[in-house]
Amino acid sequence: MNRKLIRPTLSEVKEQMGGRVQRKKPAPPDQTNAENFYYLKQMQSRTPVVVVLDEGERIHGVIEWYDRLCIKVHRANEPNLLIMKSCIRYIYKDGDGKNGENGNFDHELGIE
């Protein structure tokens, strides 16, 4: 008895697996623009913020301007500062004017 090998064609295999083929999830976006949204919101409302630097120093002021690498903080009775984002530990809204030690952070943004 002579046996014949039956091999399905590629199109037949695709038809059989049509419902079972799963596509990979798309990769998340590189940027969510959350940081830009935060800065714009604080600039438009002129919200007093506290910028905590890596060394622990606190800078009180209003974010006046920002770009990819730094922010400009406007201070009332002191010189304005241009702060590199790489030196910032976090930023939060200043609820107590100059005090800022109340520990009640309305919004915190960690920046790397």
PDB file of N, CA and C in Angstrom:
ATOM      1  N   MET A   1       0.826  -1.167   0.000  1.00  0.00           N
ATOM      2  CA  MET A   1       0.000   0.000   0.000  1.00  0.00           C
ATOM      3  C   MET A   1       0.877   1.239   0.000  1.00  0.00           C
ATOM      4  N   ASN A   2       0.579   2.134  -0.886  1.00  0.00           N
ATOM      5  CA  ASN A   2       1.348   3.356  -1.060  1.00  0.00           C
ATOM      6  C   ASN A   2       0.608   4.497  -0.357  1.00  0.00           C
ATOM      7  N   ARG A   3       1.255   5.116   0.655  1.00  0.00           N
ATOM      8  CA  ARG A   3       0.610   6.196   1.402  1.00  0.00           C
ATOM      9  C   ARG A   3       1.003   7.534   0.806  1.00  0.00           C
ATOM     10  N   LYS A   4       0.024   8.430   0.781  1.00  0.00           N
ATOM     11  CA  LYS A   4       0.259   9.766   0.233  1.00  0.00           C
ATOM     12  C   LYS A   4       0.250  10.780   1.378  1.00  0.00           C
ATOM     13  N   LEU A   5       1.256  11.594   1.442  1.00  0.00           N
ATOM     14  CA  LEU A   5       1.332  12.629   2.475  1.00  0.00           C
ATOM     15  C   LEU A   5       0.448  13.802   2.072  1.00  0.00           C
ATOM     16  N   ILE A   6      -0.454  14.161   2.968  1.00  0.00           N
ATOM     17  CA  ILE A   6      -1.355  15.275   2.690  1.00  0.00           C
ATOM     18  C   ILE A   6      -0.862  16.475   3.495  1.00  0.00           C
ATOM     19  N   ARG A   7      -0.475  17.490   2.787  1.00  0.00           N
ATOM     20  CA  ARG A   7       0.025  18.690   3.436  1.00  0.00           C
ATOM     21  C   ARG A   7      -0.887  19.848   3.052  1.00  0.00           C
ATOM     22  N   PRO A   8      -1.455  20.578   4.064  1.00  0.00           N
ATOM     23  CA  PRO A   8      -2.335  21.702   3.739  1.00  0.00           C
ATOM     24  C   PRO A   8      -1.531  22.861   3.140  1.00  0.00           C
ATOM     25  N   THR A   9      -2.189  23.647   2.336  1.00  0.00           N
ATOM     26  CA  THR A   9      -1.535  24.813   1.758  1.00  0.00           C
ATOM     27  C   THR A   9      -1.504  25.933   2.785  1.00  0.00           C
ATOM     28  N   LEU A  10      -0.688  26.915   2.541  1.00  0.00           N
ATOM     29  CA  LEU A  10      -0.553  28.045   3.466  1.00  0.00           C
ATOM     30  C   LEU A  10      -1.873  28.785   3.627  1.00  0.00           C
ATOM     31  N   SER A  11      -2.626  28.941   2.557  1.00  0.00           N
ATOM     32  CA  SER A  11      -3.911  29.648   2.639  1.00  0.00           C
ATOM     33  C   SER A  11      -4.903  28.880   3.505  1.00  0.00           C
ATOM     34  N   GLU A  12      -4.876  27.532   3.455  1.00  0.00           N
ATOM     35  CA  GLU A  12      -5.769  26.742   4.303  1.00  0.00           C
ATOM     36  C   GLU A  12      -5.415  26.906   5.777  1.00  0.00           C
ATOM     37  N   VAL A  13      -4.135  26.961   6.088  1.00  0.00           N
ATOM     38  CA  VAL A  13      -3.688  27.133   7.471  1.00  0.00           C
ATOM     39  C   VAL A  13      -4.113  28.503   7.987  1.00  0.00           C
ATOM     40  N   LYS A  14      -3.988  29.516   7.159  1.00  0.00           N
ATOM     41  CA  LYS A  14      -4.387  30.870   7.569  1.00  0.00           C
ATOM     42  C   LYS A  14      -5.878  30.930   7.850  1.00  0.00           C
ATOM     43  N   GLU A  15      -6.681  30.257   7.036  1.00  0.00           N
ATOM     44  CA  GLU A  15      -8.133  30.247   7.251  1.00  0.00           C
ATOM     45  C   GLU A  15      -8.481  29.571   8.565  1.00  0.00           C
ATOM     46  N   GLN A  16      -7.804  28.472   8.887  1.00  0.00           N
ATOM     47  CA  GLN A  16      -8.079  27.747  10.119  1.00  0.00           C
ATOM     48  C   GLN A  16      -7.676  28.550  11.354  1.00  0.00           C
ATOM     49  N   MET A  17      -6.592  29.298  11.250  1.00  0.00           N
ATOM     50  CA  MET A  17      -6.094  30.055  12.404  1.00  0.00           C
ATOM     51  C   MET A  17      -6.561  31.507  12.393  1.00  0.00           C
ATOM     52  N   GLY A  18      -7.426  31.864  11.473  1.00  0.00           N
ATOM     53  CA  GLY A  18      -7.864  33.252  11.331  1.00  0.00           C
ATOM     54  C   GLY A  18      -8.340  33.882  12.624  1.00  0.00           C
ATOM     55  N   GLY A  19      -9.140  33.190  13.423  1.00  0.00           N
ATOM     56  CA  GLY A  19      -9.666  33.750  14.675  1.00  0.00           C
ATOM     57  C   GLY A  19      -8.688  33.654  15.823  1.00  0.00           C
ATOM     58  N   ARG A  20      -7.679  32.811  15.687  1.00  0.00           N
ATOM     59  CA  ARG A  20      -6.759  32.572  16.798  1.00  0.00           C
ATOM     60  C   ARG A  20      -5.508  33.430  16.771  1.00  0.00           C
ATOM     61  N   VAL A  21      -5.269  34.103  15.691  1.00  0.00           N
ATOM     62  CA  VAL A  21      -4.056  34.921  15.585  1.00  0.00           C
ATOM     63  C   VAL A  21      -4.211  36.147  16.477  1.00  0.00           C
ATOM     64  N   GLN A  22      -3.284  36.302  17.406  1.00  0.00           N
ATOM     65  CA  GLN A  22      -3.319  37.456  18.306  1.00  0.00           C
ATOM     66  C   GLN A  22      -2.199  38.404  17.927  1.00  0.00           C
ATOM     67  N   ARG A  23      -2.541  39.648  17.891  1.00  0.00           N
ATOM     68  CA  ARG A  23      -1.536  40.661  17.590  1.00  0.00           C
ATOM     69  C   ARG A  23      -0.947  41.171  18.901  1.00  0.00           C
ATOM     70  N   LYS A  24       0.291  41.605  18.843  1.00  0.00           N
ATOM     71  CA  LYS A  24       0.947  42.150  20.031  1.00  0.00           C
ATOM     72  C   LYS A  24       0.304  43.474  20.405  1.00  0.00           C
ATOM     73  N   LYS A  25       0.294  43.752  21.694  1.00  0.00           N
ATOM     74  CA  LYS A  25      -0.195  45.044  22.172  1.00  0.00           C
ATOM     75  C   LYS A  25       0.757  46.122  21.683  1.00  0.00           C
ATOM     76  N   PRO A  26       0.215  47.264  21.316  1.00  0.00           N
ATOM     77  CA  PRO A  26       1.126  48.344  20.911  1.00  0.00           C
ATOM     78  C   PRO A  26       1.926  48.843  22.116  1.00  0.00           C
ATOM     79  N   ALA A  27       3.134  49.242  21.874  1.00  0.00           N
ATOM     80  CA  ALA A  27       3.986  49.759  22.942  1.00  0.00           C
ATOM     81  C   ALA A  27       3.420  51.079  23.441  1.00  0.00           C
ATOM     82  N   PRO A  28       3.551  51.350  24.752  1.00  0.00           N
ATOM     83  CA  PRO A  28       3.070  52.631  25.262  1.00  0.00           C
ATOM     84  C   PRO A  28       3.872  53.777  24.654  1.00  0.00           C
ATOM     85  N   PRO A  29       3.274  54.961  24.578  1.00  0.00           N
ATOM     86  CA  PRO A  29       3.991  56.093  23.981  1.00  0.00           C
ATOM     87  C   PRO A  29       5.210  56.479  24.820  1.00  0.00           C
ATOM     88  N   ASP A  30       6.222  57.013  24.142  1.00  0.00           N
ATOM     89  CA  ASP A  30       7.434  57.438  24.849  1.00  0.00           C
ATOM     90  C   ASP A  30       7.153  58.608  25.784  1.00  0.00           C
ATOM     91  N   GLN A  31       6.254  59.496  25.367  1.00  0.00           N
ATOM     92  CA  GLN A  31       5.919  60.658  26.180  1.00  0.00           C
ATOM     93  C   GLN A  31       4.418  60.731  26.386  1.00  0.00           C
ATOM     94  N   THR A  32       4.029  61.007  27.634  1.00  0.00           N
ATOM     95  CA  THR A  32       2.608  61.171  27.932  1.00  0.00           C
ATOM     96  C   THR A  32       2.210  62.647  27.941  1.00  0.00           C
ATOM     97  N   ASN A  33       3.189  63.536  27.919  1.00  0.00           N
ATOM     98  CA  ASN A  33       2.981  64.985  27.976  1.00  0.00           C
ATOM     99  C   ASN A  33       2.388  65.440  29.312  1.00  0.00           C
ATOM    100  N   ALA A  34       2.415  64.592  30.330  1.00  0.00           N
ATOM    101  CA  ALA A  34       1.914  64.972  31.649  1.00  0.00           C
ATOM    102  C   ALA A  34       2.764  66.091  32.249  1.00  0.00           C
ATOM    103  N   GLU A  35       4.066  66.021  32.049  1.00  0.00           N
ATOM    104  CA  GLU A  35       4.958  67.045  32.589  1.00  0.00           C
ATOM    105  C   GLU A  35       4.649  68.398  31.950  1.00  0.00           C
ATOM    106  N   ASN A  36       4.493  68.423  30.633  1.00  0.00           N
ATOM    107  CA  ASN A  36       4.172  69.677  29.944  1.00  0.00           C
ATOM    108  C   ASN A  36       2.839  70.232  30.419  1.00  0.00           C
ATOM    109  N   PHE A  37       1.847  69.357  30.571  1.00  0.00           N
ATOM    110  CA  PHE A  37       0.532  69.792  31.048  1.00  0.00           C
ATOM    111  C   PHE A  37       0.643  70.411  32.442  1.00  0.00           C
ATOM    112  N   TYR A  38       1.415  69.786  33.328  1.00  0.00           N
ATOM    113  CA  TYR A  38       1.596  70.293  34.686  1.00  0.00           C
ATOM    114  C   TYR A  38       2.219  71.692  34.669  1.00  0.00           C
ATOM    115  N   TYR A  39       3.298  71.854  33.910  1.00  0.00           N
ATOM    116  CA  TYR A  39       3.965  73.160  33.850  1.00  0.00           C
ATOM    117  C   TYR A  39       3.044  74.230  33.275  1.00  0.00           C
ATOM    118  N   LEU A  40       2.351  73.932  32.206  1.00  0.00           N
ATOM    119  CA  LEU A  40       1.439  74.911  31.603  1.00  0.00           C
ATOM    120  C   LEU A  40       0.341  75.330  32.565  1.00  0.00           C
ATOM    121  N   LYS A  41      -0.215  74.365  33.279  1.00  0.00           N
ATOM    122  CA  LYS A  41      -1.285  74.665  34.237  1.00  0.00           C
ATOM    123  C   LYS A  41      -0.775  75.581  35.357  1.00  0.00           C
ATOM    124  N   GLN A  42       0.415  75.274  35.881  1.00  0.00           N
ATOM    125  CA  GLN A  42       0.973  76.094  36.961  1.00  0.00           C
ATOM    126  C   GLN A  42       1.358  77.488  36.469  1.00  0.00           C
ATOM    127  N   MET A  43       1.844  77.579  35.228  1.00  0.00           N
ATOM    128  CA  MET A  43       2.220  78.885  34.678  1.00  0.00           C
ATOM    129  C   MET A  43       0.984  79.753  34.435  1.00  0.00           C
ATOM    130  N   GLN A  44      -0.063  79.176  33.872  1.00  0.00           N
ATOM    131  CA  GLN A  44      -1.267  79.951  33.556  1.00  0.00           C
ATOM    132  C   GLN A  44      -1.963  80.455  34.807  1.00  0.00           C
ATOM    133  N   SER A  45      -2.000  79.640  35.866  1.00  0.00           N
ATOM    134  CA  SER A  45      -2.672  80.065  37.095  1.00  0.00           C
ATOM    135  C   SER A  45      -1.732  80.790  38.050  1.00  0.00           C
ATOM    136  N   ARG A  46      -0.448  80.904  37.661  1.00  0.00           N
ATOM    137  CA  ARG A  46       0.567  81.557  38.501  1.00  0.00           C
ATOM    138  C   ARG A  46       0.555  80.989  39.923  1.00  0.00           C
ATOM    139  N   THR A  47       0.524  79.677  40.017  1.00  0.00           N
ATOM    140  CA  THR A  47       0.489  78.976  41.294  1.00  0.00           C
ATOM    141  C   THR A  47       1.854  79.044  41.979  1.00  0.00           C
ATOM    142  N   PRO A  48       1.892  79.490  43.249  1.00  0.00           N
ATOM    143  CA  PRO A  48       3.155  79.449  43.995  1.00  0.00           C
ATOM    144  C   PRO A  48       3.559  77.988  44.226  1.00  0.00           C
ATOM    145  N   VAL A  49       4.798  77.652  43.905  1.00  0.00           N
ATOM    146  CA  VAL A  49       5.283  76.287  44.070  1.00  0.00           C
ATOM    147  C   VAL A  49       6.566  76.284  44.885  1.00  0.00           C
ATOM    148  N   VAL A  50       6.892  75.109  45.396  1.00  0.00           N
ATOM    149  CA  VAL A  50       8.163  74.888  46.066  1.00  0.00           C
ATOM    150  C   VAL A  50       8.907  73.860  45.227  1.00  0.00           C
ATOM    151  N   VAL A  51      10.117  74.219  44.817  1.00  0.00           N
ATOM    152  CA  VAL A  51      10.967  73.308  44.059  1.00  0.00           C
ATOM    153  C   VAL A  51      12.002  72.772  45.035  1.00  0.00           C
ATOM    154  N   VAL A  52      11.991  71.455  45.255  1.00  0.00           N
ATOM    155  CA  VAL A  52      12.957  70.834  46.156  1.00  0.00           C
ATOM    156  C   VAL A  52      14.075  70.256  45.299  1.00  0.00           C
ATOM    157  N   LEU A  53      15.285  70.723  45.561  1.00  0.00           N
ATOM    158  CA  LEU A  53      16.450  70.283  44.794  1.00  0.00           C
ATOM    159  C   LEU A  53      17.020  68.993  45.382  1.00  0.00           C
ATOM    160  N   ASP A  54      17.926  68.354  44.649  1.00  0.00           N
ATOM    161  CA  ASP A  54      18.544  67.105  45.095  1.00  0.00           C
ATOM    162  C   ASP A  54      19.220  67.247  46.450  1.00  0.00           C
ATOM    163  N   GLU A  55      19.808  68.396  46.702  1.00  0.00           N
ATOM    164  CA  GLU A  55      20.517  68.627  47.962  1.00  0.00           C
ATOM    165  C   GLU A  55      19.562  68.931  49.121  1.00  0.00           C
ATOM    166  N   GLY A  56      18.251  69.068  48.842  1.00  0.00           N
ATOM    167  CA  GLY A  56      17.273  69.350  49.887  1.00  0.00           C
ATOM    168  C   GLY A  56      16.885  70.816  49.974  1.00  0.00           C
ATOM    169  N   GLU A  57      17.567  71.677  49.246  1.00  0.00           N
ATOM    170  CA  GLU A  57      17.253  73.103  49.258  1.00  0.00           C
ATOM    171  C   GLU A  57      15.877  73.328  48.639  1.00  0.00           C
ATOM    172  N   ARG A  58      15.097  74.243  49.232  1.00  0.00           N
ATOM    173  CA  ARG A  58      13.750  74.544  48.747  1.00  0.00           C
ATOM    174  C   ARG A  58      13.731  75.934  48.135  1.00  0.00           C
ATOM    175  N   ILE A  59      13.172  76.024  46.944  1.00  0.00           N
ATOM    176  CA  ILE A  59      13.069  77.300  46.250  1.00  0.00           C
ATOM    177  C   ILE A  59      11.597  77.615  46.073  1.00  0.00           C
ATOM    178  N   HIS A  60      11.173  78.766  46.604  1.00  0.00           N
ATOM    179  CA  HIS A  60       9.777  79.194  46.536  1.00  0.00           C
ATOM    180  C   HIS A  60       9.626  80.204  45.411  1.00  0.00           C
ATOM    181  N   GLY A  61       8.597  80.039  44.615  1.00  0.00           N
ATOM    182  CA  GLY A  61       8.353  80.983  43.540  1.00  0.00           C
ATOM    183  C   GLY A  61       7.248  80.511  42.617  1.00  0.00           C
ATOM    184  N   VAL A  62       7.196  81.118  41.430  1.00  0.00           N
ATOM    185  CA  VAL A  62       6.192  80.805  40.416  1.00  0.00           C
ATOM    186  C   VAL A  62       6.937  80.374  39.156  1.00  0.00           C
ATOM    187  N   ILE A  63       6.486  79.284  38.555  1.00  0.00           N
ATOM    188  CA  ILE A  63       7.121  78.831  37.313  1.00  0.00           C
ATOM    189  C   ILE A  63       6.738  79.810  36.213  1.00  0.00           C
ATOM    190  N   GLU A  64       7.736  80.441  35.631  1.00  0.00           N
ATOM    191  CA  GLU A  64       7.508  81.463  34.615  1.00  0.00           C
ATOM    192  C   GLU A  64       7.705  80.910  33.205  1.00  0.00           C
ATOM    193  N   TRP A  65       8.592  79.890  33.086  1.00  0.00           N
ATOM    194  CA  TRP A  65       8.975  79.412  31.768  1.00  0.00           C
ATOM    195  C   TRP A  65       9.616  78.041  31.939  1.00  0.00           C
ATOM    196  N   TYR A  66       9.540  77.198  30.904  1.00  0.00           N
ATOM    197  CA  TYR A  66      10.197  75.897  30.961  1.00  0.00           C
ATOM    198  C   TYR A  66      10.578  75.453  29.555  1.00  0.00           C
ATOM    199  N   ASP A  67      11.520  74.529  29.486  1.00  0.00           N
ATOM    200  CA  ASP A  67      11.820  73.854  28.227  1.00  0.00           C
ATOM    201  C   ASP A  67      12.210  72.417  28.558  1.00  0.00           C
ATOM    202  N   ARG A  68      12.855  71.751  27.635  1.00  0.00           N
ATOM    203  CA  ARG A  68      13.147  70.326  27.797  1.00  0.00           C
ATOM    204  C   ARG A  68      14.118  70.068  28.948  1.00  0.00           C
ATOM    205  N   LEU A  69      15.016  71.003  29.229  1.00  0.00           N
ATOM    206  CA  LEU A  69      16.084  70.771  30.202  1.00  0.00           C
ATOM    207  C   LEU A  69      15.975  71.568  31.495  1.00  0.00           C
ATOM    208  N   CYS A  70      15.210  72.672  31.505  1.00  0.00           N
ATOM    209  CA  CYS A  70      15.208  73.520  32.693  1.00  0.00           C
ATOM    210  C   CYS A  70      13.880  74.257  32.867  1.00  0.00           C
ATOM    211  N   ILE A  71      13.727  74.855  34.054  1.00  0.00           N
ATOM    212  CA  ILE A  71      12.569  75.716  34.330  1.00  0.00           C
ATOM    213  C   ILE A  71      13.088  77.049  34.868  1.00  0.00           C
ATOM    214  N   LYS A  72      12.315  78.110  34.667  1.00  0.00           N
ATOM    215  CA  LYS A  72      12.652  79.422  35.212  1.00  0.00           C
ATOM    216  C   LYS A  72      11.648  79.719  36.313  1.00  0.00           C
ATOM    217  N   VAL A  73      12.163  79.992  37.511  1.00  0.00           N
ATOM    218  CA  VAL A  73      11.319  80.274  38.676  1.00  0.00           C
ATOM    219  C   VAL A  73      11.416  81.756  39.002  1.00  0.00           C
ATOM    220  N   HIS A  74      10.269  82.436  38.995  1.00  0.00           N
ATOM    221  CA  HIS A  74      10.193  83.853  39.345  1.00  0.00           C
ATOM    222  C   HIS A  74       9.982  83.954  40.848  1.00  0.00           C
ATOM    223  N   ARG A  75      10.853  84.732  41.509  1.00  0.00           N
ATOM    224  CA  ARG A  75      10.736  84.926  42.958  1.00  0.00           C
ATOM    225  C   ARG A  75      10.490  86.398  43.234  1.00  0.00           C
ATOM    226  N   ALA A  76       9.658  86.696  44.237  1.00  0.00           N
ATOM    227  CA  ALA A  76       9.204  88.062  44.500  1.00  0.00           C
ATOM    228  C   ALA A  76      10.346  89.011  44.880  1.00  0.00           C
ATOM    229  N   ASN A  77      11.035  88.727  45.960  1.00  0.00           N
ATOM    230  CA  ASN A  77      12.045  89.659  46.468  1.00  0.00           C
ATOM    231  C   ASN A  77      13.468  89.131  46.291  1.00  0.00           C
ATOM    232  N   GLU A  78      13.629  88.146  45.449  1.00  0.00           N
ATOM    233  CA  GLU A  78      14.941  87.555  45.214  1.00  0.00           C
ATOM    234  C   GLU A  78      15.139  87.406  43.710  1.00  0.00           C
ATOM    235  N   PRO A  79      16.364  87.164  43.278  1.00  0.00           N
ATOM    236  CA  PRO A  79      16.598  86.996  41.831  1.00  0.00           C
ATOM    237  C   PRO A  79      15.865  85.764  41.277  1.00  0.00           C
ATOM    238  N   ASN A  80      15.453  85.879  40.023  1.00  0.00           N
ATOM    239  CA  ASN A  80      14.847  84.740  39.357  1.00  0.00           C
ATOM    240  C   ASN A  80      15.918  83.683  39.121  1.00  0.00           C
ATOM    241  N   LEU A  81      15.485  82.408  39.059  1.00  0.00           N
ATOM    242  CA  LEU A  81      16.444  81.327  38.885  1.00  0.00           C
ATOM    243  C   LEU A  81      16.085  80.473  37.678  1.00  0.00           C
ATOM    244  N   LEU A  82      17.108  80.016  36.984  1.00  0.00           N
ATOM    245  CA  LEU A  82      16.966  79.034  35.924  1.00  0.00           C
ATOM    246  C   LEU A  82      17.498  77.734  36.516  1.00  0.00           C
ATOM    247  N   ILE A  83      16.614  76.739  36.684  1.00  0.00           N
ATOM    248  CA  ILE A  83      16.982  75.504  37.381  1.00  0.00           C
ATOM    249  C   ILE A  83      16.970  74.343  36.386  1.00  0.00           C
ATOM    250  N   MET A  84      18.052  73.607  36.355  1.00  0.00           N
ATOM    251  CA  MET A  84      18.126  72.422  35.507  1.00  0.00           C
ATOM    252  C   MET A  84      17.195  71.346  36.080  1.00  0.00           C
ATOM    253  N   LYS A  85      16.411  70.702  35.214  1.00  0.00           N
ATOM    254  CA  LYS A  85      15.474  69.668  35.668  1.00  0.00           C
ATOM    255  C   LYS A  85      16.209  68.486  36.298  1.00  0.00           C
ATOM    256  N   SER A  86      17.423  68.229  35.869  1.00  0.00           N
ATOM    257  CA  SER A  86      18.184  67.113  36.427  1.00  0.00           C
ATOM    258  C   SER A  86      18.542  67.327  37.900  1.00  0.00           C
ATOM    259  N   CYS A  87      18.458  68.574  38.380  1.00  0.00           N
ATOM    260  CA  CYS A  87      18.778  68.896  39.776  1.00  0.00           C
ATOM    261  C   CYS A  87      17.543  68.932  40.668  1.00  0.00           C
ATOM    262  N   ILE A  88      16.354  68.733  40.083  1.00  0.00           N
ATOM    263  CA  ILE A  88      15.099  68.836  40.839  1.00  0.00           C
ATOM    264  C   ILE A  88      14.701  67.465  41.354  1.00  0.00           C
ATOM    265  N   ARG A  89      14.436  67.397  42.666  1.00  0.00           N
ATOM    266  CA  ARG A  89      13.935  66.148  43.250  1.00  0.00           C
ATOM    267  C   ARG A  89      12.437  66.054  43.022  1.00  0.00           C
ATOM    268  N   TYR A  90      11.686  67.105  43.397  1.00  0.00           N
ATOM    269  CA  TYR A  90      10.255  67.172  43.130  1.00  0.00           C
ATOM    270  C   TYR A  90       9.753  68.589  43.292  1.00  0.00           C
ATOM    271  N   ILE A  91       8.511  68.807  42.853  1.00  0.00           N
ATOM    272  CA  ILE A  91       7.863  70.118  42.920  1.00  0.00           C
ATOM    273  C   ILE A  91       6.489  69.918  43.543  1.00  0.00           C
ATOM    274  N   TYR A  92       6.084  70.847  44.406  1.00  0.00           N
ATOM    275  CA  TYR A  92       4.721  70.795  44.940  1.00  0.00           C
ATOM    276  C   TYR A  92       4.186  72.209  45.115  1.00  0.00           C
ATOM    277  N   LYS A  93       2.861  72.317  45.193  1.00  0.00           N
ATOM    278  CA  LYS A  93       2.218  73.621  45.383  1.00  0.00           C
ATOM    279  C   LYS A  93       2.542  74.143  46.762  1.00  0.00           C
ATOM    280  N   ASP A  94       2.838  75.428  46.835  1.00  0.00           N
ATOM    281  CA  ASP A  94       3.186  76.072  48.096  1.00  0.00           C
ATOM    282  C   ASP A  94       1.899  76.513  48.781  1.00  0.00           C
ATOM    283  N   GLY A  95       1.481  75.774  49.800  1.00  0.00           N
ATOM    284  CA  GLY A  95       0.232  76.074  50.495  1.00  0.00           C
ATOM    285  C   GLY A  95       0.382  77.097  51.600  1.00  0.00           C
ATOM    286  N   ASP A  96       1.610  77.271  52.112  1.00  0.00           N
ATOM    287  CA  ASP A  96       1.828  78.163  53.254  1.00  0.00           C
ATOM    288  C   ASP A  96       2.706  79.357  52.910  1.00  0.00           C
ATOM    289  N   GLY A  97       2.649  79.848  51.712  1.00  0.00           N
ATOM    290  CA  GLY A  97       3.498  80.987  51.363  1.00  0.00           C
ATOM    291  C   GLY A  97       4.955  80.604  51.439  1.00  0.00           C
ATOM    292  N   LYS A  98       5.715  81.176  52.376  1.00  0.00           N
ATOM    293  CA  LYS A  98       7.144  80.894  52.497  1.00  0.00           C
ATOM    294  C   LYS A  98       7.435  79.678  53.370  1.00  0.00           C
ATOM    295  N   ASN A  99       6.477  79.206  54.162  1.00  0.00           N
ATOM    296  CA  ASN A  99       6.746  78.108  55.080  1.00  0.00           C
ATOM    297  C   ASN A  99       6.953  76.804  54.333  1.00  0.00           C
ATOM    298  N   GLY A 100       5.911  76.263  53.706  1.00  0.00           N
ATOM    299  CA  GLY A 100       6.013  75.071  52.903  1.00  0.00           C
ATOM    300  C   GLY A 100       6.367  73.806  53.667  1.00  0.00           C
ATOM    301  N   GLU A 101       6.476  73.852  54.980  1.00  0.00           N
ATOM    302  CA  GLU A 101       6.864  72.696  55.771  1.00  0.00           C
ATOM    303  C   GLU A 101       5.667  71.932  56.333  1.00  0.00           C
ATOM    304  N   ASN A 102       4.454  72.227  55.843  1.00  0.00           N
ATOM    305  CA  ASN A 102       3.267  71.608  56.424  1.00  0.00           C
ATOM    306  C   ASN A 102       3.085  70.161  56.016  1.00  0.00           C
ATOM    307  N   GLY A 103       3.829  69.666  55.017  1.00  0.00           N
ATOM    308  CA  GLY A 103       3.724  68.281  54.594  1.00  0.00           C
ATOM    309  C   GLY A 103       2.462  67.983  53.820  1.00  0.00           C
ATOM    310  N   ASN A 104       1.623  68.974  53.550  1.00  0.00           N
ATOM    311  CA  ASN A 104       0.392  68.781  52.797  1.00  0.00           C
ATOM    312  C   ASN A 104       0.663  69.124  51.341  1.00  0.00           C
ATOM    313  N   PHE A 105       1.075  68.126  50.572  1.00  0.00           N
ATOM    314  CA  PHE A 105       1.412  68.340  49.174  1.00  0.00           C
ATOM    315  C   PHE A 105       0.172  68.128  48.340  1.00  0.00           C
ATOM    316  N   ASP A 106      -0.345  69.201  47.751  1.00  0.00           N
ATOM    317  CA  ASP A 106      -1.514  69.071  46.887  1.00  0.00           C
ATOM    318  C   ASP A 106      -1.173  68.258  45.655  1.00  0.00           C
ATOM    319  N   HIS A 107       0.010  68.505  45.110  1.00  0.00           N
ATOM    320  CA  HIS A 107       0.408  67.774  43.908  1.00  0.00           C
ATOM    321  C   HIS A 107       1.910  67.662  43.905  1.00  0.00           C
ATOM    322  N   GLU A 108       2.382  66.475  43.653  1.00  0.00           N
ATOM    323  CA  GLU A 108       3.810  66.241  43.637  1.00  0.00           C
ATOM    324  C   GLU A 108       4.197  65.694  42.275  1.00  0.00           C
ATOM    325  N   LEU A 109       5.286  66.160  41.733  1.00  0.00           N
ATOM    326  CA  LEU A 109       5.726  65.689  40.420  1.00  0.00           C
ATOM    327  C   LEU A 109       7.196  65.309  40.528  1.00  0.00           C
ATOM    328  N   GLY A 110       7.487  64.029  40.406  1.00  0.00           N
ATOM    329  CA  GLY A 110       8.873  63.580  40.419  1.00  0.00           C
ATOM    330  C   GLY A 110       9.481  63.779  39.049  1.00  0.00           C
ATOM    331  N   ILE A 111      10.632  64.371  38.991  1.00  0.00           N
ATOM    332  CA  ILE A 111      11.296  64.627  37.719  1.00  0.00           C
ATOM    333  C   ILE A 111      12.645  63.941  37.756  1.00  0.00           C
ATOM    334  N   GLU A 112      12.942  63.215  36.699  1.00  0.00           N
ATOM    335  CA  GLU A 112      14.236  62.529  36.648  1.00  0.00           C
ATOM    336  C   GLU A 112      15.237  63.328  35.872  1.00  0.00           C
TER     337      GLU A 112
END
